């Protein structure tokens, strides 16, 4: 576009916006006559051609109407915009939300933190950008791009066939899980997998059993579906399965209980499967970070013991590659697979094919498993650095649990009561520390399930050893200052919280 033409287009747009503003404010009502093109051109100091172009654009958009031999008028039905705020300046409440929408609108979602100015951000779920296999991923994406298709079309809603085949082999090699590729549905991260389970398996009023404490976004997914979430206590052996109440669904993290780190014992695995069979219920097994086991080989999944089709296995690459890829998968009982595949198509057609094909290449070439072994060693070093720093700096002021696996630990602050947790976190934020409390991961009731001491979930996979050391030292200084300011008092229950059954 020539410079003069571009300048004229900008003026035309400004004239049109000015007229729209007068209509929106009520200065020009429906049927009001507009100035002639000659008069408005003189007012703006532009040519009649520029004004005529603005009028024609507004006529095309439906703001104005013109008849042969008559002045241009504001179109009927166009008037001031409705007020966007309630009396007193408060935002108007959303109208006509569904029951689902009202439940979602009421949630307090976990905040997104900006770690740019922090000394150390111990947010769990983050992984180090330097650990991402950049060259291997670049080669895999490049290979996928070079496979020219005769036509570009929607893919299989249940996932690219080559990825599902690759995942079938990987799950057998890495997790001892036998399944058919047709039982796998690829999803946009574990969160979509949970949402599909809630939509397809729950009706409003159904009950869901869930570990307490547990993954807050899973709890909210079930509550958004209208389900009643029943909290089930945990201890060193995971979920307490002895006397489970009737429910439609159970959600569990058997290989590494989130967040406290227990492993569901063999006896309790059998009890949970027997409960599911007896109740006609399903169990969602969230195997969110099973690749990271530092003392022994990864524990086989619950799904490997299930011969009755009651377990839905949920996996992800968010902890091994990147949470930004949004790649996860469900391994479904054969009876459920058709409904999930159809629901996935309705929800978003399918997960992006390019990333699926790249991941399939990464797994098929062996690069993915080599990468997992490398980052397991690297995160083992970070874990050792964190445990050493906590011991040297804080000593018996903290109790550490859940350190044998995964990418986070929980520390109980033995001298800080739970009631003082918020005050401590505020001081930590001021000191440039990203710390995250255990408390929101507990169900609101029963209060008896919560330990008396303040607790922190400390992720370490995104930090190097120096940042971990600085962060723990800063935490020690914060705790000293907190105690000196009178915020310290003896805490109750600062050791492993042997939960009472709700």
Protein backbone atom coordinates (compact mmCIF):
# COMPACT_ATOMS: atom_id res chain seq x y z
CA UNK A 1 0.00 0.00 0.00
CA UNK A 2 1.38 3.40 -1.02
CA UNK A 3 2.08 5.90 1.80
CA UNK A 4 -0.73 8.27 0.69
CA UNK A 5 -3.21 5.40 0.44
CA UNK A 6 -2.22 4.12 3.89
CA UNK A 7 -2.66 7.58 5.42
CA UNK A 8 -6.11 7.93 3.79
CA UNK A 9 -7.13 4.50 5.15
CA UNK A 10 -6.15 5.56 8.67
CA UNK A 11 -8.24 8.73 8.42
CA UNK A 12 -11.19 6.73 7.03
CA UNK A 13 -10.94 4.37 10.00
CA UNK A 14 -10.79 7.28 12.48
CA UNK A 15 -13.93 8.89 10.97
CA UNK A 16 -15.78 5.59 11.20
CA UNK A 17 -14.72 5.04 14.82
CA UNK A 18 -15.82 8.57 15.74
CA UNK A 19 -19.28 7.94 14.29
CA UNK A 20 -19.52 4.58 16.07
CA UNK A 21 -18.60 6.32 19.32
CA UNK A 22 -21.43 8.84 18.94
CA UNK A 23 -23.89 6.04 18.22
CA UNK A 24 -22.69 4.06 21.26
CA UNK A 25 -22.99 7.12 23.52
CA UNK A 26 -26.51 7.92 22.32
CA UNK A 27 -25.60 11.21 20.63
CA UNK A 28 -26.75 9.68 17.35
CA UNK A 29 -29.89 7.59 17.79
CA UNK A 30 -31.61 5.24 15.34
CA UNK A 31 -32.82 7.19 12.29
CA UNK A 32 -30.63 10.24 13.03
CA UNK A 33 -29.38 11.96 9.88
CA UNK A 34 -25.63 12.29 9.37
CA UNK A 35 -23.95 15.39 7.88
CA UNK A 36 -23.48 15.45 4.14
CA UNK A 37 -20.17 14.14 2.86
CA UNK A 38 -19.25 17.70 1.84
CA UNK A 39 -19.94 19.11 5.33
CA UNK A 40 -18.12 16.31 7.20
CA UNK A 41 -15.16 16.55 4.81
CA UNK A 42 -14.86 20.26 5.57
CA UNK A 43 -15.10 19.55 9.32
CA UNK A 44 -12.29 16.96 9.18
CA UNK A 45 -10.23 18.76 6.58
CA UNK A 46 -10.21 15.78 4.21
CA UNK A 47 -11.57 15.00 0.77
CA UNK A 48 -15.19 13.94 0.16
CA UNK A 49 -13.80 10.65 -1.16
CA UNK A 50 -12.39 9.83 2.30
CA UNK A 51 -15.71 10.55 4.03
CA UNK A 52 -17.65 8.62 1.40
CA UNK A 53 -15.37 5.60 2.03
CA UNK A 54 -16.06 5.84 5.79
CA UNK A 55 -19.82 6.01 5.21
CA UNK A 56 -19.73 3.03 2.85
CA UNK A 57 -17.79 0.97 5.39
CA UNK A 58 -20.32 1.75 8.14
CA UNK A 59 -23.21 0.92 5.80
CA UNK A 60 -21.57 -2.44 5.07
CA UNK A 61 -21.19 -3.08 8.82
CA UNK A 62 -24.86 -2.25 9.47
CA UNK A 63 -24.37 0.97 11.45
CA UNK A 64 -25.76 3.25 8.73
CA UNK A 65 -28.34 3.01 5.98
CA UNK A 66 -28.72 5.03 2.79
CA UNK A 67 -31.51 5.54 0.26
CA UNK A 68 -31.31 7.09 -3.19
CA UNK A 69 -31.77 10.86 -2.98
CA UNK A 70 -31.84 10.93 0.83
CA UNK A 71 -29.29 11.73 3.52
CA UNK A 72 -27.42 8.85 5.19
CA UNK A 73 -29.04 7.85 8.51
CA UNK A 74 -28.21 5.73 11.56
CA UNK A 75 -29.67 2.27 11.03
CA UNK A 76 -32.75 1.21 12.98
CA UNK A 77 -31.94 -1.06 15.92
CA UNK A 78 -28.52 0.48 16.52
CA UNK A 79 -28.20 2.33 19.78
CA UNK A 80 -26.17 2.80 22.95
CA UNK A 81 -24.33 -0.25 24.30
CA UNK A 82 -25.96 -1.84 27.37
CA UNK A 83 -24.31 -0.93 30.70
CA UNK A 84 -21.42 -3.24 31.58
CA UNK A 85 -21.41 -2.57 35.31
CA UNK A 86 -23.93 -2.91 38.10
CA UNK A 87 -24.93 0.16 40.15
CA UNK A 88 -22.03 1.39 42.25
CA UNK A 89 -19.42 0.54 39.66
CA UNK A 90 -19.21 -3.19 40.40
CA UNK A 91 -19.02 -5.52 37.39
CA UNK A 92 -22.37 -6.90 36.38
CA UNK A 93 -22.81 -10.55 37.34
CA UNK A 94 -22.55 -13.04 34.45
CA UNK A 95 -25.94 -13.93 33.10
CA UNK A 96 -27.41 -17.33 32.31
CA UNK A 97 -24.39 -19.44 33.16
CA UNK A 98 -25.16 -23.14 33.29
CA UNK A 99 -24.88 -24.98 36.59
CA UNK A 100 -21.46 -26.16 35.39
CA UNK A 101 -20.49 -22.57 34.59
CA UNK A 102 -21.58 -21.33 38.01
CA UNK A 103 -19.56 -24.02 39.76
CA UNK A 104 -16.45 -23.21 37.72
CA UNK A 105 -16.86 -19.46 38.27
CA UNK A 106 -16.84 -20.03 42.04
CA UNK A 107 -13.46 -21.83 42.10
CA UNK A 108 -10.27 -20.23 43.37
CA UNK A 109 -7.70 -21.54 40.90
CA UNK A 110 -4.02 -21.81 41.86
CA UNK A 111 -2.29 -18.52 40.98
CA UNK A 112 0.29 -18.25 38.22
CA UNK A 113 3.60 -17.06 39.64
CA UNK A 114 6.23 -14.86 38.01
CA UNK A 115 9.58 -16.30 39.06
CA UNK A 116 11.74 -13.83 37.10
CA UNK A 117 12.76 -11.82 40.19
CA UNK A 118 12.90 -14.66 42.70
CA UNK A 119 16.01 -15.96 44.40
CA UNK A 120 14.51 -19.43 44.06
CA UNK A 121 11.06 -20.59 42.97
CA UNK A 122 10.23 -24.02 44.41
CA UNK A 123 7.03 -24.40 42.39
CA UNK A 124 6.26 -28.09 41.89
CA UNK A 125 5.39 -29.21 38.37
CA UNK A 126 8.01 -27.00 36.71
CA UNK A 127 10.98 -28.64 34.97
CA UNK A 128 14.26 -27.12 33.80
CA UNK A 129 14.31 -25.70 30.29
CA UNK A 130 17.95 -26.80 29.95
CA UNK A 131 16.85 -30.44 30.38
CA UNK A 132 14.64 -30.40 27.28
CA UNK A 133 16.19 -32.54 24.50
CA UNK A 134 16.30 -29.67 22.03
CA UNK A 135 18.31 -31.31 19.24
CA UNK A 136 16.43 -34.61 19.37
CA UNK A 137 13.08 -32.81 19.39
CA UNK A 138 14.16 -30.55 16.52
CA UNK A 139 15.11 -33.58 14.44
CA UNK A 140 11.81 -35.32 15.24
CA UNK A 141 9.73 -32.24 14.38
CA UNK A 142 11.74 -31.73 11.19
CA UNK A 143 11.17 -35.31 10.13
CA UNK A 144 7.43 -34.93 10.76
CA UNK A 145 7.29 -31.72 8.70
CA UNK A 146 9.08 -33.36 5.77
CA UNK A 147 6.41 -36.05 5.47
CA UNK A 148 4.33 -34.23 2.87
CA UNK A 149 0.69 -35.20 2.88
CA UNK A 150 -1.39 -35.31 -0.32
CA UNK A 151 -4.05 -33.43 1.61
CA UNK A 152 -4.29 -31.74 5.00
CA UNK A 153 -7.20 -33.12 6.97
CA UNK A 154 -8.35 -33.73 10.52
CA UNK A 155 -6.56 -36.59 12.25
CA UNK A 156 -7.82 -39.51 14.29
CA UNK A 157 -9.52 -38.09 17.42
CA UNK A 158 -8.08 -40.85 19.60
CA UNK A 159 -4.53 -39.96 18.57
CA UNK A 160 -2.04 -40.51 15.77
CA UNK A 161 -1.74 -44.29 15.12
CA UNK A 162 2.06 -44.13 15.15
CA UNK A 163 2.09 -42.47 18.60
CA UNK A 164 -0.39 -44.92 20.08
CA UNK A 165 1.73 -47.81 18.80
CA UNK A 166 4.89 -46.21 20.22
CA UNK A 167 3.20 -45.64 23.59
CA UNK A 168 2.02 -49.25 23.68
CA UNK A 169 5.62 -50.44 23.43
CA UNK A 170 6.97 -47.84 25.84
CA UNK A 171 4.40 -48.65 28.54
CA UNK A 172 5.32 -52.34 28.36
CA UNK A 173 9.07 -51.67 28.52
CA UNK A 174 9.01 -48.91 31.15
CA UNK A 175 5.94 -49.71 33.25
CA UNK A 176 5.15 -53.39 32.67
CA UNK A 177 1.71 -52.39 31.41
CA UNK A 178 0.20 -54.53 28.66
CA UNK A 179 -2.44 -52.95 26.46
CA UNK A 180 -3.53 -52.69 22.85
CA UNK A 181 -2.84 -49.51 20.88
CA UNK A 182 -6.61 -49.27 20.30
CA UNK A 183 -7.13 -48.77 24.05
CA UNK A 184 -5.06 -45.55 24.07
CA UNK A 185 -6.54 -42.07 23.60
CA UNK A 186 -4.09 -39.19 23.30
CA UNK A 187 -5.17 -36.06 25.19
CA UNK A 188 -3.97 -32.50 25.70
CA UNK A 189 -2.22 -33.20 28.97
CA UNK A 190 -3.50 -35.04 32.02
CA UNK A 191 -5.96 -32.25 32.78
CA UNK A 192 -7.99 -33.00 29.65
CA UNK A 193 -7.84 -36.67 30.51
CA UNK A 194 -9.39 -35.94 33.91
CA UNK A 195 -12.02 -33.72 32.32
CA UNK A 196 -13.02 -36.47 29.88
CA UNK A 197 -13.33 -38.95 32.76
CA UNK A 198 -15.52 -36.55 34.74
CA UNK A 199 -17.79 -35.76 31.79
CA UNK A 200 -18.27 -39.38 30.73
CA UNK A 201 -18.41 -41.20 34.06
CA UNK A 202 -20.13 -38.78 36.45
CA UNK A 203 -23.61 -37.36 36.81
CA UNK A 204 -24.43 -34.50 39.21
CA UNK A 205 -24.65 -35.90 42.72
CA UNK A 206 -22.37 -38.90 42.09
CA UNK A 207 -19.61 -39.51 44.58
CA UNK A 208 -15.88 -39.57 43.84
CA UNK A 209 -13.32 -40.89 46.30
CA UNK A 210 -10.09 -38.92 46.37
CA UNK A 211 -6.92 -38.97 48.42
CA UNK A 212 -6.68 -36.26 51.07
CA UNK A 213 -4.48 -34.29 50.54
CA UNK A 214 -4.52 -34.53 46.76
CA UNK A 215 -4.29 -32.76 43.42
CA UNK A 216 -6.50 -29.68 43.68
CA UNK A 217 -7.28 -29.39 39.95
CA UNK A 218 -8.53 -32.98 39.91
CA UNK A 219 -10.83 -32.20 42.82
CA UNK A 220 -12.17 -29.14 41.02
CA UNK A 221 -12.73 -31.06 37.77
CA UNK A 222 -14.95 -33.52 39.64
CA UNK A 223 -16.75 -30.76 41.53
CA UNK A 224 -17.34 -28.88 38.27
CA UNK A 225 -19.14 -31.97 36.97
CA UNK A 226 -21.45 -31.71 39.99
CA UNK A 227 -19.94 -34.65 41.86
CA UNK A 228 -19.50 -34.93 45.61
CA UNK A 229 -15.82 -35.45 46.35
CA UNK A 230 -15.32 -37.71 49.39
CA UNK A 231 -11.85 -37.23 50.97
CA UNK A 232 -10.01 -40.41 51.93
CA UNK A 233 -7.05 -40.18 54.28
CA UNK A 234 -3.53 -41.35 53.40
CA UNK A 235 -0.47 -42.54 55.28
CA UNK A 236 2.93 -43.98 54.36
CA UNK A 237 1.21 -46.75 52.36
CA UNK A 238 -0.99 -44.39 50.38
CA UNK A 239 -4.79 -44.24 50.38
CA UNK A 240 -6.55 -45.90 53.32
CA UNK A 241 -8.58 -48.53 51.45
CA UNK A 242 -9.92 -50.70 54.28
CA UNK A 243 -13.46 -49.34 54.46
CA UNK A 244 -14.17 -47.34 51.32
CA UNK A 245 -17.71 -46.03 50.93
CA UNK A 246 -19.80 -46.58 47.80
CA UNK A 247 -18.97 -44.24 44.95
CA UNK A 248 -19.01 -44.02 41.15
CA UNK A 249 -15.33 -43.22 40.75
CA UNK A 250 -12.04 -43.10 42.67
CA UNK A 251 -8.99 -40.99 41.87
CA UNK A 252 -5.60 -42.14 43.14
CA UNK A 253 -1.85 -41.69 42.64
CA UNK A 254 -0.67 -45.19 43.67
CA UNK A 255 2.96 -45.03 42.50
CA UNK A 256 3.74 -41.73 44.24
CA UNK A 257 0.93 -40.24 46.30
CA UNK A 258 0.55 -36.56 45.55
CA UNK A 259 1.77 -34.67 47.48
CA UNK A 260 2.99 -36.75 50.44
CA UNK A 261 4.86 -39.39 48.43
CA UNK A 262 3.57 -42.69 49.85
CA UNK A 263 3.38 -45.82 47.67
CA UNK A 264 0.10 -47.74 47.68
CA UNK A 265 0.98 -51.08 49.23
CA UNK A 266 0.23 -54.42 47.57
CA UNK A 267 -2.52 -55.17 50.10
CA UNK A 268 -4.22 -51.84 49.52
CA UNK A 269 -3.96 -52.21 45.75
CA UNK A 270 -5.91 -55.45 46.00
CA UNK A 271 -8.44 -53.81 48.32
CA UNK A 272 -8.94 -50.89 45.94
CA UNK A 273 -9.45 -53.18 42.95
CA UNK A 274 -11.86 -55.37 44.92
CA UNK A 275 -13.83 -52.27 45.95
CA UNK A 276 -14.07 -51.13 42.32
CA UNK A 277 -15.27 -54.55 41.17
CA UNK A 278 -17.78 -54.80 44.02
CA UNK A 279 -19.11 -51.25 43.50
CA UNK A 280 -19.12 -51.29 39.70
CA UNK A 281 -16.88 -48.22 39.94
CA UNK A 282 -13.79 -47.14 38.02
CA UNK A 283 -10.42 -46.02 39.36
CA UNK A 284 -8.42 -43.26 37.67
CA UNK A 285 -4.74 -44.04 38.19
CA UNK A 286 -2.78 -40.81 37.73
CA UNK A 287 0.79 -41.94 37.05
CA UNK A 288 2.09 -38.40 36.84
CA UNK A 289 5.82 -38.83 37.60
CA UNK A 290 6.52 -42.55 37.88
CA UNK A 291 9.74 -42.28 35.82
CA UNK A 292 11.47 -40.67 38.81
CA UNK A 293 12.30 -43.33 41.36
CA UNK A 294 15.69 -42.88 43.02
CA UNK A 295 16.13 -45.87 45.33
CA UNK A 296 14.58 -48.81 43.45
CA UNK A 297 13.04 -49.48 40.05
CA UNK A 298 9.72 -47.69 39.36
CA UNK A 299 6.77 -49.39 41.05
CA UNK A 300 4.46 -51.23 38.59
CA UNK A 301 1.17 -49.44 38.01
CA UNK A 302 -2.16 -50.47 39.49
CA UNK A 303 -3.42 -50.97 35.93
CA UNK A 304 -1.00 -53.90 35.50
CA UNK A 305 -2.95 -55.82 38.21
CA UNK A 306 -6.39 -55.04 36.81
CA UNK A 307 -8.00 -57.94 34.96
CA UNK A 308 -11.59 -56.73 35.28
CA UNK A 309 -11.49 -53.48 33.30
CA UNK A 310 -11.98 -51.12 36.25
CA UNK A 311 -8.76 -49.00 36.02
CA UNK A 312 -8.22 -46.01 33.72
CA UNK A 313 -4.50 -45.28 33.43
CA UNK A 314 -3.53 -41.62 32.96
CA UNK A 315 -0.01 -40.74 31.79
CA UNK A 316 1.77 -37.61 30.63
CA UNK A 317 5.10 -36.31 29.30
CA UNK A 318 4.80 -33.06 31.29
CA UNK A 319 7.40 -34.18 33.84
CA UNK A 320 9.77 -35.90 31.38
CA UNK A 321 9.73 -33.43 28.46
CA UNK A 322 7.72 -30.27 29.16
CA UNK A 323 4.32 -29.25 30.55
CA UNK A 324 4.10 -26.79 27.65
CA UNK A 325 3.70 -29.61 25.11
CA UNK A 326 0.30 -30.61 26.54
CA UNK A 327 0.69 -34.27 25.63
CA UNK A 328 -0.88 -37.01 27.72
CA UNK A 329 -2.72 -40.27 27.21
CA UNK A 330 -5.40 -42.49 28.68
CA UNK A 331 -5.24 -46.30 28.63
CA UNK A 332 -8.88 -47.29 28.78
CA UNK A 333 -10.78 -50.51 29.45
CA UNK A 334 -12.09 -51.77 26.08
CA UNK A 335 -15.71 -51.11 27.08
CA UNK A 336 -15.03 -47.40 27.65
CA UNK A 337 -12.84 -46.69 24.64
CA UNK A 338 -15.57 -45.94 22.02
CA UNK A 339 -17.27 -43.29 24.18
CA UNK A 340 -13.97 -41.59 25.02
CA UNK A 341 -12.90 -41.49 21.37
CA UNK A 342 -16.21 -39.86 20.39
CA UNK A 343 -16.03 -37.37 23.26
CA UNK A 344 -12.48 -36.42 22.30
CA UNK A 345 -13.69 -35.68 18.77
CA UNK A 346 -16.47 -33.46 20.09
CA UNK A 347 -14.15 -31.67 22.50
CA UNK A 348 -11.35 -30.57 20.14
CA UNK A 349 -11.25 -32.97 17.14
CA UNK A 350 -7.79 -34.23 18.13
CA UNK A 351 -4.52 -33.26 19.81
CA UNK A 352 -2.13 -31.44 17.39
CA UNK A 353 -0.62 -33.98 14.99
CA UNK A 354 2.85 -32.44 14.61
CA UNK A 355 3.71 -32.88 18.29
CA UNK A 356 2.22 -36.39 18.29
CA UNK A 357 4.34 -37.45 15.32
CA UNK A 358 7.47 -35.93 16.85
CA UNK A 359 6.90 -37.77 20.14
CA UNK A 360 6.29 -41.01 18.24
CA UNK A 361 9.64 -40.56 16.45
CA UNK A 362 11.38 -39.77 19.75
CA UNK A 363 10.03 -42.93 21.38
CA UNK A 364 10.58 -45.13 18.32
CA UNK A 365 14.22 -44.07 17.95
CA UNK A 366 15.02 -44.73 21.61
CA UNK A 367 15.86 -41.05 22.16
CA UNK A 368 12.98 -40.58 24.60
CA UNK A 369 14.12 -43.32 26.96
CA UNK A 370 17.73 -42.14 26.77
CA UNK A 371 16.47 -38.68 27.69
CA UNK A 372 14.45 -40.06 30.62
CA UNK A 373 17.53 -41.81 32.00
CA UNK A 374 19.56 -38.62 31.68
CA UNK A 375 17.03 -36.36 33.41
CA UNK A 376 16.48 -38.99 36.11
CA UNK A 377 20.18 -38.75 36.97
CA UNK A 378 20.08 -34.96 36.80
CA UNK A 379 17.06 -34.71 39.06
CA UNK A 380 18.63 -37.19 41.44
CA UNK A 381 21.48 -34.71 41.83
CA UNK A 382 19.04 -31.86 42.46
CA UNK A 383 17.18 -33.97 45.01
CA UNK A 384 20.42 -34.77 46.85
CA UNK A 385 21.34 -31.08 46.89
CA UNK A 386 17.95 -30.13 48.34
CA UNK A 387 18.03 -32.79 51.05
CA UNK A 388 21.59 -31.86 52.03
CA UNK A 389 20.74 -28.16 52.17
CA UNK A 390 17.61 -28.76 54.27
CA UNK A 391 19.56 -30.92 56.71
CA UNK A 392 22.50 -28.51 57.02
CA UNK A 393 20.46 -25.31 57.20
CA UNK A 394 17.24 -26.27 59.00
CA UNK A 395 18.08 -29.48 60.84
CA UNK A 396 15.33 -30.65 63.15
CA UNK A 397 13.24 -27.57 62.45
CA UNK A 398 11.76 -29.47 59.51
CA UNK A 399 10.61 -33.00 58.74
CA UNK A 400 10.95 -34.12 55.12
CA UNK A 401 8.58 -36.70 53.58
CA UNK A 402 8.10 -38.11 50.10
CA UNK A 403 11.74 -37.79 49.04
CA UNK A 404 12.20 -41.28 47.55
CA UNK A 405 10.53 -40.50 44.23
CA UNK A 406 9.08 -37.77 42.07
CA UNK A 407 10.23 -34.19 41.58
CA UNK A 408 9.14 -32.61 44.87
CA UNK A 409 9.29 -33.16 48.60
CA UNK A 410 7.01 -32.04 51.40
CA UNK A 411 8.58 -30.37 54.40
CA UNK A 412 6.72 -29.90 57.67
CA UNK A 413 7.85 -26.83 59.60
CA UNK A 414 7.93 -28.30 63.09
CA UNK A 415 8.00 -24.91 64.84
CA UNK A 416 5.41 -23.07 62.74
CA UNK A 417 1.74 -23.83 63.46
CA UNK A 418 -0.56 -24.20 60.47
CA UNK A 419 -2.43 -21.05 61.51
CA UNK A 420 0.74 -18.99 60.89
CA UNK A 421 1.37 -20.41 57.43
CA UNK A 422 0.05 -17.38 55.51
CA UNK A 423 2.21 -14.97 57.49
CA UNK A 424 5.30 -17.03 56.79
CA UNK A 425 4.51 -17.23 53.07
CA UNK A 426 4.11 -13.45 52.89
CA UNK A 427 7.55 -12.99 54.43
CA UNK A 428 9.00 -15.52 52.01
CA UNK A 429 7.51 -13.67 49.01
CA UNK A 430 9.04 -10.42 50.25
CA UNK A 431 12.39 -12.24 50.49
CA UNK A 432 12.20 -13.42 46.88
CA UNK A 433 11.20 -17.03 47.59
CA UNK A 434 8.52 -18.98 45.76
CA UNK A 435 7.03 -21.29 48.40
CA UNK A 436 3.79 -23.26 48.11
CA UNK A 437 1.74 -24.53 51.06
CA UNK A 438 0.28 -28.00 51.53
CA UNK A 439 -2.93 -26.63 53.04
CA UNK A 440 -4.85 -25.94 49.77
CA UNK A 441 -4.32 -29.57 48.75
CA UNK A 442 -6.48 -30.75 51.66
CA UNK A 443 -10.24 -30.93 51.35
CA UNK A 444 -12.01 -28.15 53.30
CA UNK A 445 -13.31 -30.79 55.71
CA UNK A 446 -12.60 -32.64 57.90
CA UNK A 447 -10.15 -30.31 59.63
CA UNK A 448 -8.93 -33.25 61.73
CA UNK A 449 -7.21 -34.65 58.62
CA UNK A 450 -4.82 -31.70 58.48
CA UNK A 451 -1.58 -31.73 60.47
CA UNK A 452 -0.98 -29.04 63.04
CA UNK A 453 2.27 -27.83 61.50
CA UNK A 454 2.63 -25.63 58.44
CA UNK A 455 3.84 -27.55 55.42
CA UNK A 456 5.43 -26.73 52.08
CA UNK A 457 5.49 -28.62 48.77
CA UNK A 458 8.96 -27.94 47.36
CA UNK A 459 9.63 -28.74 43.72
CA UNK A 460 13.26 -28.81 42.66
CA UNK A 461 13.30 -30.00 39.02
CA UNK A 462 13.53 -26.48 37.54
CA UNK A 463 16.46 -25.33 39.72
CA UNK A 464 20.21 -25.95 39.65
CA UNK A 465 22.14 -26.89 42.78
CA UNK A 466 23.32 -23.32 43.42
CA UNK A 467 19.77 -21.95 43.27
CA UNK A 468 18.57 -24.72 45.59
CA UNK A 469 21.32 -23.88 48.10
CA UNK A 470 20.55 -20.15 47.97
CA UNK A 471 16.84 -20.78 48.30
CA UNK A 472 17.16 -23.00 51.36
CA UNK A 473 19.54 -20.55 53.00
CA UNK A 474 17.05 -17.77 52.35
CA UNK A 475 14.29 -19.95 53.82
CA UNK A 476 16.39 -20.41 56.95
CA UNK A 477 16.79 -16.64 57.26
CA UNK A 478 13.04 -16.15 56.77
CA UNK A 479 12.26 -18.67 59.51
CA UNK A 480 14.71 -16.99 61.88
CA UNK A 481 13.19 -13.58 61.21
CA UNK A 482 9.68 -15.01 61.58
CA UNK A 483 10.56 -16.47 64.98
CA UNK A 484 12.23 -13.24 66.12
CA UNK A 485 9.10 -11.30 65.18
CA UNK A 486 7.03 -13.50 67.46
CA UNK A 487 5.47 -15.57 64.71
CA UNK A 488 6.96 -18.80 66.00
CA UNK A 489 5.19 -21.14 68.39
CA UNK A 490 5.30 -24.90 68.99
CA UNK A 491 3.47 -26.77 66.23
CA UNK A 492 1.52 -29.97 66.61
CA UNK A 493 1.78 -32.90 64.24
CA UNK A 494 4.96 -31.79 62.47
CA UNK A 495 5.98 -35.33 61.56
CA UNK A 496 4.45 -37.58 58.93
CA UNK A 497 0.70 -36.94 59.17
CA UNK A 498 -0.81 -40.34 59.92
CA UNK A 499 -4.22 -39.29 58.68
CA UNK A 500 -7.42 -40.05 60.45
CA UNK A 501 -10.09 -41.57 58.26
CA UNK A 502 -12.75 -38.95 57.38
